[in-house]
Amino acid sequence: MKASEVSKLTGLPISTLRFYERKQVIPVQFVSRDENNYRVYAKEVVGFLEDVRTLLSVGFTIQELILLINESENSYTEKKALVQEKIQHIQEQKEKLESSKIFLMDVLEGKASFQTHCQS
């Protein structure tokens, strides 16, 4: 499929697809060239890019993605440590959000020592 189709299916601009290619975020097995030298993407790239979006949303950087994707870059142990670090970070964020939720519920119920009362 052409870049425009991948862009429509993923919501990513074509410029982002090209950036990902340059940075080797999109592995070469997902991209080829046709007789006119246009990029042709394998249909599997859509799911792959959804995974990339998920990894970015939980705090992975482009550089970290490259390390995870590129098989020759790091050892399995290093990649595992990186993923475990992100899982720990997500757990910490989850705990902070839960604490914030409890606080806001207390505000609504007038239990929090907070200047604004939300009860009617």
Protein backbone atom coordinates (compact mmCIF):
# COMPACT_ATOMS: atom_id res chain seq x y z
CA MET A 1 0.00 0.00 0.00
CA LYS A 2 1.13 3.57 -0.64
CA ALA A 3 2.15 6.06 2.02
CA SER A 4 -1.12 7.94 1.65
CA GLU A 5 -3.08 4.78 2.50
CA VAL A 6 -0.92 4.06 5.53
CA SER A 7 -1.34 7.67 6.59
CA LYS A 8 -5.14 7.40 6.39
CA LEU A 9 -5.25 4.09 8.26
CA THR A 10 -2.90 5.16 11.05
CA GLY A 11 -3.64 8.88 11.30
CA LEU A 12 0.07 9.60 10.93
CA PRO A 13 1.20 12.26 8.50
CA ILE A 14 3.31 11.06 5.56
CA SER A 15 6.16 13.19 6.90
CA THR A 16 6.09 11.12 10.11
CA LEU A 17 6.24 7.90 8.11
CA ARG A 18 9.30 9.20 6.28
CA PHE A 19 10.86 10.36 9.56
CA TYR A 20 10.29 6.89 11.05
CA GLU A 21 11.94 5.34 8.00
CA ARG A 22 14.96 7.63 8.25
CA LYS A 23 15.34 6.85 11.95
CA GLN A 24 14.84 3.11 11.26
CA VAL A 25 11.75 2.94 13.47
CA ILE A 26 9.97 1.19 10.60
CA PRO A 27 11.95 -1.97 9.84
CA VAL A 28 12.99 -2.49 6.24
CA GLN A 29 10.84 -5.61 5.86
CA PHE A 30 7.75 -3.34 5.94
CA VAL A 31 8.89 -1.05 3.10
CA SER A 32 9.87 -1.74 -0.48
CA ARG A 33 9.95 0.25 -3.71
CA ASP A 34 7.86 -0.23 -6.83
CA GLU A 35 9.03 0.13 -10.45
CA ASN A 36 8.57 3.93 -10.20
CA ASN A 37 10.62 4.02 -6.98
CA TYR A 38 7.55 4.84 -4.85
CA ARG A 39 7.41 3.43 -1.35
CA VAL A 40 5.18 0.40 -0.94
CA TYR A 41 4.28 -0.62 2.59
CA ALA A 42 3.31 -4.10 3.69
CA LYS A 43 -0.16 -4.26 5.22
CA GLU A 44 1.42 -5.40 8.52
CA VAL A 45 2.96 -1.95 8.95
CA VAL A 46 -0.40 -0.60 10.16
CA GLY A 47 -0.43 -2.85 13.23
CA PHE A 48 3.25 -2.19 13.78
CA LEU A 49 2.67 1.57 13.74
CA GLU A 50 -0.20 1.19 16.21
CA ASP A 51 2.27 -0.56 18.51
CA VAL A 52 4.76 2.27 17.99
CA ARG A 53 2.06 4.78 18.92
CA THR A 54 1.33 2.82 22.10
CA LEU A 55 5.01 2.70 23.04
CA LEU A 56 5.37 6.44 22.46
CA SER A 57 2.26 7.13 24.55
CA VAL A 58 3.74 5.33 27.57
CA GLY A 59 6.95 7.31 27.46
CA PHE A 60 9.32 5.57 25.09
CA THR A 61 11.49 7.95 23.12
CA ILE A 62 12.28 7.49 19.43
CA GLN A 63 15.81 6.51 20.41
CA GLU A 64 14.49 3.86 22.80
CA LEU A 65 12.18 2.52 20.08
CA ILE A 66 15.13 2.21 17.75
CA LEU A 67 17.00 0.22 20.39
CA LEU A 68 14.01 -2.10 20.87
CA ILE A 69 13.35 -2.61 17.17
CA ASN A 70 16.88 -2.97 15.85
CA GLU A 71 17.94 -6.53 16.55
CA SER A 72 21.65 -5.80 16.44
CA GLU A 73 21.59 -2.72 18.70
CA ASN A 74 21.18 -4.15 22.19
CA SER A 75 21.06 -7.47 23.90
CA TYR A 76 17.81 -9.04 25.02
CA THR A 77 18.78 -8.29 28.63
CA GLU A 78 19.17 -4.58 27.91
CA LYS A 79 15.87 -4.45 26.02
CA LYS A 80 14.11 -6.32 28.81
CA ALA A 81 15.50 -3.87 31.39
CA LEU A 82 14.25 -0.93 29.32
CA VAL A 83 10.74 -2.41 29.08
CA GLN A 84 10.70 -3.25 32.79
CA GLU A 85 11.70 0.34 33.56
CA LYS A 86 8.73 1.61 31.52
CA ILE A 87 6.39 -0.82 33.26
CA GLN A 88 7.61 0.50 36.62
CA HIS A 89 7.06 4.07 35.42
CA ILE A 90 3.50 3.20 34.33
CA GLN A 91 2.83 1.63 37.73
CA GLU A 92 4.05 4.80 39.47
CA GLN A 93 1.85 6.95 37.24
CA LYS A 94 -1.10 4.69 37.96
CA GLU A 95 -0.57 5.07 41.70
CA LYS A 96 -0.33 8.86 41.41
CA LEU A 97 -3.50 8.99 39.34
CA GLU A 98 -5.35 6.80 41.83
CA SER A 99 -4.23 9.08 44.65
CA SER A 100 -5.39 12.12 42.69
CA LYS A 101 -8.74 10.45 42.00
CA ILE A 102 -9.27 9.74 45.70
CA PHE A 103 -8.41 13.33 46.54
CA LEU A 104 -10.86 14.68 43.96
CA MET A 105 -13.59 12.39 45.24
CA ASP A 106 -12.92 13.76 48.74
CA VAL A 107 -13.21 17.29 47.35
CA LEU A 108 -16.58 16.44 45.83
CA GLU A 109 -17.79 14.96 49.09
CA GLY A 110 -16.52 17.90 51.16
CA LYS A 111 -14.03 15.70 53.01
CA ALA A 112 -10.87 17.33 51.70
CA SER A 113 -9.29 20.24 53.48
CA PHE A 114 -9.58 22.30 50.36
CA GLN A 115 -10.83 25.88 50.04
CA THR A 116 -13.54 25.22 47.45
CA HIS A 117 -16.51 23.09 48.42
CA CYS A 118 -18.21 21.25 45.58
CA GLN A 119 -21.27 20.08 47.46
CA SER A 120 -24.59 21.79 46.84
